[in-house]
Amino acid sequence: YLQRCRMETLDRLRPLDMFCEDAVYCYAIRLKLLTRMRLFDEERG
């Protein structure tokens, strides 16, 4: 749930210019969020 909320926040913050520095940083945050969620495994937990 928090992941979905964070992604929504990131989508709201995403710059209109898809090719600016902030768009690169937005991609970096999204990649970090997705990488983090891959660490969650119900069986291992």
All heavy atoms as atom14 arrays in JSON, in Angstrom:
{
  "sequence": "YLQRCRMETLDRLRPLDMFCEDAVYCYAIRLKLLTRMRLFDEERG",
  "atom14_mask": [
    [1, 1, 1, 1, 1, 1, 1, 1, 1, 1, 1, 1, 0, 0],
    [1, 1, 1, 1, 1, 1, 1, 1, 0, 0, 0, 0, 0, 0],
    [1, 1, 1, 1, 1, 1, 1, 1, 1, 0, 0, 0, 0, 0],
    [1, 1, 1, 1, 1, 1, 1, 1, 1, 1, 1, 0, 0, 0],
    [1, 1, 1, 1, 1, 1, 0, 0, 0, 0, 0, 0, 0, 0],
    [1, 1, 1, 1, 1, 1, 1, 1, 1, 1, 1, 0, 0, 0],
    [1, 1, 1, 1, 1, 1, 1, 1, 0, 0, 0, 0, 0, 0],
    [1, 1, 1, 1, 1, 1, 1, 1, 1, 0, 0, 0, 0, 0],
    [1, 1, 1, 1, 1, 1, 1, 0, 0, 0, 0, 0, 0, 0],
    [1, 1, 1, 1, 1, 1, 1, 1, 0, 0, 0, 0, 0, 0],
    [1, 1, 1, 1, 1, 1, 1, 1, 0, 0, 0, 0, 0, 0],
    [1, 1, 1, 1, 1, 1, 1, 1, 1, 1, 1, 0, 0, 0],
    [1, 1, 1, 1, 1, 1, 1, 1, 0, 0, 0, 0, 0, 0],
    [1, 1, 1, 1, 1, 1, 1, 1, 1, 1, 1, 0, 0, 0],
    [1, 1, 1, 1, 1, 1, 1, 0, 0, 0, 0, 0, 0, 0],
    [1, 1, 1, 1, 1, 1, 1, 1, 0, 0, 0, 0, 0, 0],
    [1, 1, 1, 1, 1, 1, 1, 1, 0, 0, 0, 0, 0, 0],
    [1, 1, 1, 1, 1, 1, 1, 1, 0, 0, 0, 0, 0, 0],
    [1, 1, 1, 1, 1, 1, 1, 1, 1, 1, 1, 0, 0, 0],
    [1, 1, 1, 1, 1, 1, 0, 0, 0, 0, 0, 0, 0, 0],
    [1, 1, 1, 1, 1, 1, 1, 1, 1, 0, 0, 0, 0, 0],
    [1, 1, 1, 1, 1, 1, 1, 1, 0, 0, 0, 0, 0, 0],
    [1, 1, 1, 1, 1, 0, 0, 0, 0, 0, 0, 0, 0, 0],
    [1, 1, 1, 1, 1, 1, 1, 0, 0, 0, 0, 0, 0, 0],
    [1, 1, 1, 1, 1, 1, 1, 1, 1, 1, 1, 1, 0, 0],
    [1, 1, 1, 1, 1, 1, 0, 0, 0, 0, 0, 0, 0, 0],
    [1, 1, 1, 1, 1, 1, 1, 1, 1, 1, 1, 1, 0, 0],
    [1, 1, 1, 1, 1, 0, 0, 0, 0, 0, 0, 0, 0, 0],
    [1, 1, 1, 1, 1, 1, 1, 1, 0, 0, 0, 0, 0, 0],
    [1, 1, 1, 1, 1, 1, 1, 1, 1, 1, 1, 0, 0, 0],
    [1, 1, 1, 1, 1, 1, 1, 1, 0, 0, 0, 0, 0, 0],
    [1, 1, 1, 1, 1, 1, 1, 1, 1, 0, 0, 0, 0, 0],
    [1, 1, 1, 1, 1, 1, 1, 1, 0, 0, 0, 0, 0, 0],
    [1, 1, 1, 1, 1, 1, 1, 1, 0, 0, 0, 0, 0, 0],
    [1, 1, 1, 1, 1, 1, 1, 0, 0, 0, 0, 0, 0, 0],
    [1, 1, 1, 1, 1, 1, 1, 1, 1, 1, 1, 0, 0, 0],
    [1, 1, 1, 1, 1, 1, 1, 1, 0, 0, 0, 0, 0, 0],
    [1, 1, 1, 1, 1, 1, 1, 1, 1, 1, 1, 0, 0, 0],
    [1, 1, 1, 1, 1, 1, 1, 1, 0, 0, 0, 0, 0, 0],
    [1, 1, 1, 1, 1, 1, 1, 1, 1, 1, 1, 0, 0, 0],
    [1, 1, 1, 1, 1, 1, 1, 1, 0, 0, 0, 0, 0, 0],
    [1, 1, 1, 1, 1, 1, 1, 1, 1, 0, 0, 0, 0, 0],
    [1, 1, 1, 1, 1, 1, 1, 1, 1, 0, 0, 0, 0, 0],
    [1, 1, 1, 1, 1, 1, 1, 1, 1, 1, 1, 0, 0, 0],
    [1, 1, 1, 1, 0, 0, 0, 0, 0, 0, 0, 0, 0, 0]
  ],
  "atom14_positions": [
    [[0.84, -1.2, 0.0], [0.0, 0.0, 0.0], [0.88, 1.26, 0.0], [0.65, 2.18, -0.78], [-0.94, -0.01, 1.21], [-1.66, 1.3, 1.42], [-2.7, 1.68, 0.58], [-1.29, 2.16, 2.44], [-3.35, 2.88, 0.75], [-1.93, 3.36, 2.63], [-2.97, 3.73, 1.79], [-3.6, 4.93, 1.97], [0.0, 0.0, 0.0], [0.0, 0.0, 0.0]],
    [[1.87, 1.29, 0.89], [2.77, 2.44, 0.95], [3.54, 2.61, -0.36], [3.79, 3.74, -0.8], [3.73, 2.3, 2.13], [3.09, 2.46, 3.51], [4.07, 2.06, 4.6], [2.58, 3.87, 3.71], [0.0, 0.0, 0.0], [0.0, 0.0, 0.0], [0.0, 0.0, 0.0], [0.0, 0.0, 0.0], [0.0, 0.0, 0.0], [0.0, 0.0, 0.0]],
    [[3.89, 1.5, -1.0], [4.58, 1.56, -2.3], [3.69, 2.26, -3.33], [4.15, 3.13, -4.07], [4.95, 0.15, -2.77], [5.52, 0.07, -4.16], [6.98, 0.44, -4.24], [7.58, 0.93, -3.29], [7.58, 0.22, -5.38], [0.0, 0.0, 0.0], [0.0, 0.0, 0.0], [0.0, 0.0, 0.0], [0.0, 0.0, 0.0], [0.0, 0.0, 0.0]],
    [[2.42, 1.87, -3.37], [1.49, 2.52, -4.31], [1.38, 4.01, -4.01], [1.39, 4.84, -4.93], [0.11, 1.87, -4.25], [0.03, 0.52, -4.92], [-1.39, 0.01, -5.07], [-2.13, -0.06, -3.81], [-2.09, -1.06, -2.95], [-1.33, -2.12, -3.2], [-2.81, -1.04, -1.84], [0.0, 0.0, 0.0], [0.0, 0.0, 0.0], [0.0, 0.0, 0.0]],
    [[1.29, 4.36, -2.74], [1.19, 5.77, -2.36], [2.45, 6.54, -2.74], [2.38, 7.67, -3.22], [0.93, 5.9, -0.86], [-0.7, 5.3, -0.38], [0.0, 0.0, 0.0], [0.0, 0.0, 0.0], [0.0, 0.0, 0.0], [0.0, 0.0, 0.0], [0.0, 0.0, 0.0], [0.0, 0.0, 0.0], [0.0, 0.0, 0.0], [0.0, 0.0, 0.0]],
    [[3.6, 5.92, -2.52], [4.86, 6.58, -2.9], [4.95, 6.77, -4.41], [5.41, 7.8, -4.89], [6.05, 5.77, -2.38], [6.24, 5.88, -0.88], [7.37, 5.0, -0.39], [7.69, 5.29, 0.99], [7.6, 4.41, 1.99], [7.21, 3.16, 1.75], [7.9, 4.77, 3.22], [0.0, 0.0, 0.0], [0.0, 0.0, 0.0], [0.0, 0.0, 0.0]],
    [[4.52, 5.79, -5.16], [4.53, 5.91, -6.63], [3.58, 7.01, -7.08], [3.9, 7.77, -8.0], [4.16, 4.59, -7.29], [5.24, 3.53, -7.19], [6.72, 4.01, -8.12], [7.58, 2.46, -8.13], [0.0, 0.0, 0.0], [0.0, 0.0, 0.0], [0.0, 0.0, 0.0], [0.0, 0.0, 0.0], [0.0, 0.0, 0.0], [0.0, 0.0, 0.0]],
    [[2.42, 7.11, -6.43], [1.49, 8.19, -6.75], [2.1, 9.55, -6.45], [1.96, 10.5, -7.22], [0.18, 8.01, -5.99], [-0.65, 6.85, -6.48], [-1.82, 6.51, -5.57], [-2.09, 7.26, -4.6], [-2.48, 5.48, -5.83], [0.0, 0.0, 0.0], [0.0, 0.0, 0.0], [0.0, 0.0, 0.0], [0.0, 0.0, 0.0], [0.0, 0.0, 0.0]],
    [[2.8, 9.65, -5.32], [3.49, 10.89, -4.97], [4.54, 11.22, -6.03], [4.62, 12.36, -6.49], [4.16, 10.77, -3.58], [3.15, 10.58, -2.6], [4.99, 11.99, -3.25], [0.0, 0.0, 0.0], [0.0, 0.0, 0.0], [0.0, 0.0, 0.0], [0.0, 0.0, 0.0], [0.0, 0.0, 0.0], [0.0, 0.0, 0.0], [0.0, 0.0, 0.0]],
    [[5.3, 10.24, -6.41], [6.33, 10.45, -7.42], [5.71, 10.87, -8.75], [6.23, 11.77, -9.43], [7.18, 9.18, -7.59], [8.48, 9.31, -8.33], [9.38, 10.39, -7.74], [9.21, 7.98, -8.34], [0.0, 0.0, 0.0], [0.0, 0.0, 0.0], [0.0, 0.0, 0.0], [0.0, 0.0, 0.0], [0.0, 0.0, 0.0], [0.0, 0.0, 0.0]],
    [[4.59, 10.26, -9.13], [3.9, 10.65, -10.36], [3.42, 12.1, -10.28], [3.48, 12.83, -11.27], [2.71, 9.73, -10.64], [3.13, 8.35, -11.09], [4.3, 8.18, -11.52], [2.31, 7.41, -11.0], [0.0, 0.0, 0.0], [0.0, 0.0, 0.0], [0.0, 0.0, 0.0], [0.0, 0.0, 0.0], [0.0, 0.0, 0.0], [0.0, 0.0, 0.0]],
    [[2.97, 12.51, -9.11], [2.51, 13.89, -8.92], [3.68, 14.88, -9.01], [3.53, 15.99, -9.5], [1.82, 14.01, -7.56], [1.2, 15.35, -7.29], [0.39, 15.37, -6.0], [0.9, 14.62, -4.89], [1.85, 15.03, -4.06], [2.43, 16.2, -4.23], [2.24, 14.27, -3.04], [0.0, 0.0, 0.0], [0.0, 0.0, 0.0], [0.0, 0.0, 0.0]],
    [[4.86, 14.46, -8.55], [6.04, 15.32, -8.56], [6.78, 15.32, -9.9], [7.59, 16.2, -10.16], [7.02, 14.89, -7.46], [6.53, 15.0, -6.02], [7.56, 14.4, -5.07], [6.22, 16.43, -5.65], [0.0, 0.0, 0.0], [0.0, 0.0, 0.0], [0.0, 0.0, 0.0], [0.0, 0.0, 0.0], [0.0, 0.0, 0.0], [0.0, 0.0, 0.0]],
    [[6.49, 14.32, -10.74], [7.21, 14.16, -12.0], [7.17, 15.45, -12.83], [6.12, 16.05, -12.99], [6.58, 13.03, -12.81], [7.3, 12.73, -14.1], [6.59, 11.71, -14.95], [5.83, 10.75, -14.17], [5.57, 9.52, -14.54], [5.97, 9.09, -15.69], [4.87, 8.73, -13.77], [0.0, 0.0, 0.0], [0.0, 0.0, 0.0], [0.0, 0.0, 0.0]],
    [[8.32, 15.86, -13.35], [8.34, 17.09, -14.15], [7.62, 16.91, -15.49], [7.55, 15.79, -16.01], [9.83, 17.35, -14.36], [10.47, 16.02, -14.22], [9.64, 15.24, -13.25], [0.0, 0.0, 0.0], [0.0, 0.0, 0.0], [0.0, 0.0, 0.0], [0.0, 0.0, 0.0], [0.0, 0.0, 0.0], [0.0, 0.0, 0.0], [0.0, 0.0, 0.0]],
    [[7.1, 18.01, -16.0], [6.43, 17.96, -17.3], [7.43, 17.72, -18.43], [7.11, 17.06, -19.41], [5.66, 19.26, -17.54], [4.48, 19.5, -16.59], [3.85, 20.86, -16.87], [3.46, 18.4, -16.7], [0.0, 0.0, 0.0], [0.0, 0.0, 0.0], [0.0, 0.0, 0.0], [0.0, 0.0, 0.0], [0.0, 0.0, 0.0], [0.0, 0.0, 0.0]],
    [[8.63, 18.26, -18.27], [9.69, 18.06, -19.26], [10.3, 16.69, -19.02], [10.99, 16.47, -18.03], [10.74, 19.15, -19.12], [11.89, 19.02, -20.11], [11.9, 18.05, -20.91], [12.78, 19.89, -20.09], [0.0, 0.0, 0.0], [0.0, 0.0, 0.0], [0.0, 0.0, 0.0], [0.0, 0.0, 0.0], [0.0, 0.0, 0.0], [0.0, 0.0, 0.0]],
    [[10.04, 15.77, -19.92], [10.51, 14.39, -19.75], [12.01, 14.23, -19.94], [12.56, 13.15, -19.69], [9.79, 13.47, -20.74], [8.32, 13.33, -20.45], [7.4, 12.35, -21.67], [8.58, 11.18, -22.27], [0.0, 0.0, 0.0], [0.0, 0.0, 0.0], [0.0, 0.0, 0.0], [0.0, 0.0, 0.0], [0.0, 0.0, 0.0], [0.0, 0.0, 0.0]],
    [[12.69, 15.28, -20.39], [14.1, 15.15, -20.71], [14.98, 16.15, -19.94], [16.03, 16.56, -20.43], [14.31, 15.32, -22.23], [13.54, 14.3, -23.01], [12.42, 14.67, -23.74], [13.9, 12.96, -23.0], [11.7, 13.73, -24.46], [13.19, 12.02, -23.71], [12.08, 12.4, -24.44], [0.0, 0.0, 0.0], [0.0, 0.0, 0.0], [0.0, 0.0, 0.0]],
    [[14.57, 16.47, -18.72], [15.37, 17.38, -17.89], [16.07, 16.57, -16.79], [15.83, 15.37, -16.64], [14.48, 18.46, -17.27], [13.25, 17.83, -16.1], [0.0, 0.0, 0.0], [0.0, 0.0, 0.0], [0.0, 0.0, 0.0], [0.0, 0.0, 0.0], [0.0, 0.0, 0.0], [0.0, 0.0, 0.0], [0.0, 0.0, 0.0], [0.0, 0.0, 0.0]],
    [[16.92, 17.25, -16.03], [17.64, 16.56, -14.96], [16.68, 15.95, -13.95], [16.9, 14.82, -13.47], [18.59, 17.53, -14.23], [19.75, 18.02, -15.05], [19.39, 19.3, -15.82], [18.29, 19.87, -15.59], [20.2, 19.71, -16.65], [0.0, 0.0, 0.0], [0.0, 0.0, 0.0], [0.0, 0.0, 0.0], [0.0, 0.0, 0.0], [0.0, 0.0, 0.0]],
    [[15.62, 16.69, -13.61], [14.67, 16.16, -12.62], [13.98, 14.9, -13.12], [13.62, 14.03, -12.32], [13.63, 17.22, -12.23], [14.16, 18.18, -11.17], [15.17, 17.84, -10.5], [13.56, 19.26, -10.99], [0.0, 0.0, 0.0], [0.0, 0.0, 0.0], [0.0, 0.0, 0.0], [0.0, 0.0, 0.0], [0.0, 0.0, 0.0], [0.0, 0.0, 0.0]],
    [[13.82, 14.75, -14.42], [13.25, 13.51, -14.96], [14.21, 12.34, -14.71], [13.77, 11.21, -14.44], [12.96, 13.65, -16.45], [0.0, 0.0, 0.0], [0.0, 0.0, 0.0], [0.0, 0.0, 0.0], [0.0, 0.0, 0.0], [0.0, 0.0, 0.0], [0.0, 0.0, 0.0], [0.0, 0.0, 0.0], [0.0, 0.0, 0.0], [0.0, 0.0, 0.0]],
    [[15.49, 12.59, -14.79], [16.49, 11.56, -14.49], [16.41, 11.18, -13.02], [16.42, 10.0, -12.65], [17.92, 12.04, -14.85], [18.97, 11.02, -14.42], [18.03, 12.33, -16.34], [0.0, 0.0, 0.0], [0.0, 0.0, 0.0], [0.0, 0.0, 0.0], [0.0, 0.0, 0.0], [0.0, 0.0, 0.0], [0.0, 0.0, 0.0], [0.0, 0.0, 0.0]],
    [[16.28, 12.18, -12.14], [16.19, 11.91, -10.71], [14.88, 11.18, -10.38], [14.87, 10.31, -9.51], [16.3, 13.21, -9.91], [17.55, 14.01, -10.23], [17.51, 15.39, -10.28], [18.75, 13.39, -10.5], [18.65, 16.14, -10.57], [19.9, 14.12, -10.8], [19.83, 15.5, -10.83], [20.95, 16.24, -11.13], [0.0, 0.0, 0.0], [0.0, 0.0, 0.0]],
    [[13.82, 11.53, -11.07], [12.54, 10.85, -10.87], [12.68, 9.36, -11.24], [12.2, 8.49, -10.51], [11.47, 11.53, -11.74], [9.81, 10.93, -11.46], [0.0, 0.0, 0.0], [0.0, 0.0, 0.0], [0.0, 0.0, 0.0], [0.0, 0.0, 0.0], [0.0, 0.0, 0.0], [0.0, 0.0, 0.0], [0.0, 0.0, 0.0], [0.0, 0.0, 0.0]],
    [[13.36, 9.08, -12.33], [13.61, 7.7, -12.75], [14.43, 6.97, -11.69], [14.14, 5.83, -11.34], [14.35, 7.71, -14.09], [14.5, 6.35, -14.74], [13.61, 5.94, -15.73], [15.54, 5.5, -14.39], [13.74, 4.7, -16.35], [15.68, 4.26, -14.99], [14.78, 3.87, -15.98], [14.93, 2.64, -16.58], [0.0, 0.0, 0.0], [0.0, 0.0, 0.0]],
    [[15.41, 7.67, -11.13], [16.27, 7.06, -10.1], [15.46, 6.69, -8.86], [15.64, 5.59, -8.31], [17.4, 8.02, -9.72], [0.0, 0.0, 0.0], [0.0, 0.0, 0.0], [0.0, 0.0, 0.0], [0.0, 0.0, 0.0], [0.0, 0.0, 0.0], [0.0, 0.0, 0.0], [0.0, 0.0, 0.0], [0.0, 0.0, 0.0], [0.0, 0.0, 0.0]],
    [[14.57, 7.57, -8.44], [13.75, 7.28, -7.26], [12.81, 6.11, -7.56], [12.67, 5.2, -6.74], [12.96, 8.53, -6.82], [13.92, 9.62, -6.35], [11.95, 8.17, -5.73], [13.29, 10.99, -6.17], [0.0, 0.0, 0.0], [0.0, 0.0, 0.0], [0.0, 0.0, 0.0], [0.0, 0.0, 0.0], [0.0, 0.0, 0.0], [0.0, 0.0, 0.0]],
    [[12.2, 6.11, -8.73], [11.3, 5.02, -9.12], [12.06, 3.69, -9.12], [11.58, 2.68, -8.61], [10.68, 5.28, -10.5], [9.67, 4.23, -10.93], [8.94, 4.63, -12.19], [8.3, 5.9, -12.11], [7.12, 6.13, -11.51], [6.48, 5.15, -10.95], [6.59, 7.33, -11.49], [0.0, 0.0, 0.0], [0.0, 0.0, 0.0], [0.0, 0.0, 0.0]],
    [[13.26, 3.69, -9.68], [14.08, 2.48, -9.72], [14.42, 2.01, -8.3], [14.35, 0.82, -8.0], [15.34, 2.72, -10.55], [16.29, 1.54, -10.71], [15.58, 0.35, -11.37], [17.5, 1.97, -11.55], [0.0, 0.0, 0.0], [0.0, 0.0, 0.0], [0.0, 0.0, 0.0], [0.0, 0.0, 0.0], [0.0, 0.0, 0.0], [0.0, 0.0, 0.0]],
    [[14.75, 2.95, -7.42], [15.04, 2.59, -6.03], [13.81, 1.99, -5.35], [13.92, 1.0, -4.61], [15.54, 3.81, -5.24], [16.97, 4.18, -5.54], [17.41, 5.35, -4.68], [18.84, 5.71, -4.94], [19.78, 4.66, -4.56], [0.0, 0.0, 0.0], [0.0, 0.0, 0.0], [0.0, 0.0, 0.0], [0.0, 0.0, 0.0], [0.0, 0.0, 0.0]],
    [[12.65, 2.56, -5.59], [11.41, 2.04, -4.99], [11.13, 0.63, -5.49], [10.78, -0.26, -4.71], [10.23, 2.95, -5.31], [10.16, 4.26, -4.53], [9.11, 5.19, -5.14], [9.86, 4.01, -3.06], [0.0, 0.0, 0.0], [0.0, 0.0, 0.0], [0.0, 0.0, 0.0], [0.0, 0.0, 0.0], [0.0, 0.0, 0.0], [0.0, 0.0, 0.0]],
    [[11.28, 0.42, -6.78], [11.03, -0.91, -7.35], [12.04, -1.93, -6.86], [11.69, -3.07, -6.56], [11.02, -0.84, -8.88], [9.86, -0.07, -9.5], [10.06, 0.11, -11.0], [8.53, -0.74, -9.2], [0.0, 0.0, 0.0], [0.0, 0.0, 0.0], [0.0, 0.0, 0.0], [0.0, 0.0, 0.0], [0.0, 0.0, 0.0], [0.0, 0.0, 0.0]],
    [[13.28, -1.52, -6.75], [14.33, -2.4, -6.24], [14.03, -2.8, -4.8], [14.16, -3.96, -4.42], [15.71, -1.72, -6.34], [15.97, -1.41, -7.72], [16.81, -2.61, -5.8], [0.0, 0.0, 0.0], [0.0, 0.0, 0.0], [0.0, 0.0, 0.0], [0.0, 0.0, 0.0], [0.0, 0.0, 0.0], [0.0, 0.0, 0.0], [0.0, 0.0, 0.0]],
    [[13.6, -1.83, -4.01], [13.27, -2.1, -2.61], [12.12, -3.09, -2.5], [12.17, -4.02, -1.7], [12.9, -0.8, -1.9], [12.51, -1.0, -0.45], [12.15, 0.35, 0.2], [11.75, 0.15, 1.56], [10.5, -0.16, 1.94], [9.55, -0.29, 1.05], [10.22, -0.33, 3.21], [0.0, 0.0, 0.0], [0.0, 0.0, 0.0], [0.0, 0.0, 0.0]],
    [[11.09, -2.93, -3.3], [9.93, -3.82, -3.21], [10.29, -5.25, -3.61], [9.66, -6.19, -3.14], [8.76, -3.31, -4.05], [7.98, -2.2, -3.38], [7.45, -2.53, -1.68], [6.25, -3.82, -1.92], [0.0, 0.0, 0.0], [0.0, 0.0, 0.0], [0.0, 0.0, 0.0], [0.0, 0.0, 0.0], [0.0, 0.0, 0.0], [0.0, 0.0, 0.0]],
    [[11.28, -5.41, -4.45], [11.69, -6.76, -4.84], [12.3, -7.51, -3.66], [12.4, -8.73, -3.68], [12.68, -6.72, -5.99], [12.02, -6.29, -7.3], [12.87, -6.49, -8.5], [13.58, -7.73, -8.58], [13.07, -8.92, -8.93], [11.81, -9.02, -9.19], [13.83, -9.99, -9.01], [0.0, 0.0, 0.0], [0.0, 0.0, 0.0], [0.0, 0.0, 0.0]],
    [[12.7, -6.79, -2.62], [13.28, -7.43, -1.44], [12.22, -8.09, -0.56], [12.55, -8.92, 0.28], [14.06, -6.4, -0.61], [15.24, -5.73, -1.3], [15.84, -4.66, -0.4], [16.28, -6.75, -1.7], [0.0, 0.0, 0.0], [0.0, 0.0, 0.0], [0.0, 0.0, 0.0], [0.0, 0.0, 0.0], [0.0, 0.0, 0.0], [0.0, 0.0, 0.0]],
    [[10.97, -7.69, -0.76], [9.89, -8.24, 0.05], [9.41, -9.54, -0.58], [8.95, -9.58, -1.7], [8.73, -7.26, 0.17], [9.08, -6.05, 0.98], [9.5, -4.88, 0.36], [9.01, -6.09, 2.35], [9.84, -3.77, 1.11], [9.35, -4.99, 3.11], [9.76, -3.82, 2.48], [0.0, 0.0, 0.0], [0.0, 0.0, 0.0], [0.0, 0.0, 0.0]],
    [[9.51, -10.59, 0.19], [9.09, -11.91, -0.26], [8.29, -12.53, 0.88], [8.81, -12.7, 1.99], [10.32, -12.76, -0.59], [9.97, -14.15, -1.06], [9.58, -14.97, -0.21], [10.09, -14.4, -2.27], [0.0, 0.0, 0.0], [0.0, 0.0, 0.0], [0.0, 0.0, 0.0], [0.0, 0.0, 0.0], [0.0, 0.0, 0.0], [0.0, 0.0, 0.0]],
    [[7.03, -12.84, 0.62], [6.15, -13.33, 1.68], [6.69, -14.6, 2.34], [6.69, -14.72, 3.57], [4.75, -13.58, 1.11], [3.72, -13.85, 2.17], [2.31, -13.87, 1.61], [2.12, -13.67, 0.4], [1.4, -14.1, 2.42], [0.0, 0.0, 0.0], [0.0, 0.0, 0.0], [0.0, 0.0, 0.0], [0.0, 0.0, 0.0], [0.0, 0.0, 0.0]],
    [[7.19, -15.53, 1.55], [7.67, -16.79, 2.11], [8.9, -16.55, 2.99], [8.99, -17.06, 4.1], [8.01, -17.77, 0.98], [8.38, -19.15, 1.48], [8.63, -20.11, 0.33], [7.85, -20.11, -0.63], [9.63, -20.84, 0.41], [0.0, 0.0, 0.0], [0.0, 0.0, 0.0], [0.0, 0.0, 0.0], [0.0, 0.0, 0.0], [0.0, 0.0, 0.0]],
    [[9.85, -15.75, 2.47], [11.05, -15.46, 3.27], [10.7, -14.69, 4.53], [11.27, -14.9, 5.59], [12.07, -14.67, 2.45], [12.87, -15.52, 1.52], [14.01, -14.82, 0.86], [14.14, -13.4, 1.16], [14.66, -12.52, 0.34], [15.1, -12.87, -0.83], [14.75, -11.25, 0.68], [0.0, 0.0, 0.0], [0.0, 0.0, 0.0], [0.0, 0.0, 0.0]],
    [[9.73, -13.78, 4.43], [9.29, -13.01, 5.58], [8.67, -13.89, 6.65], [8.93, -13.72, 7.84], [0.0, 0.0, 0.0], [0.0, 0.0, 0.0], [0.0, 0.0, 0.0], [0.0, 0.0, 0.0], [0.0, 0.0, 0.0], [0.0, 0.0, 0.0], [0.0, 0.0, 0.0], [0.0, 0.0, 0.0], [0.0, 0.0, 0.0], [0.0, 0.0, 0.0]]
  ]
}
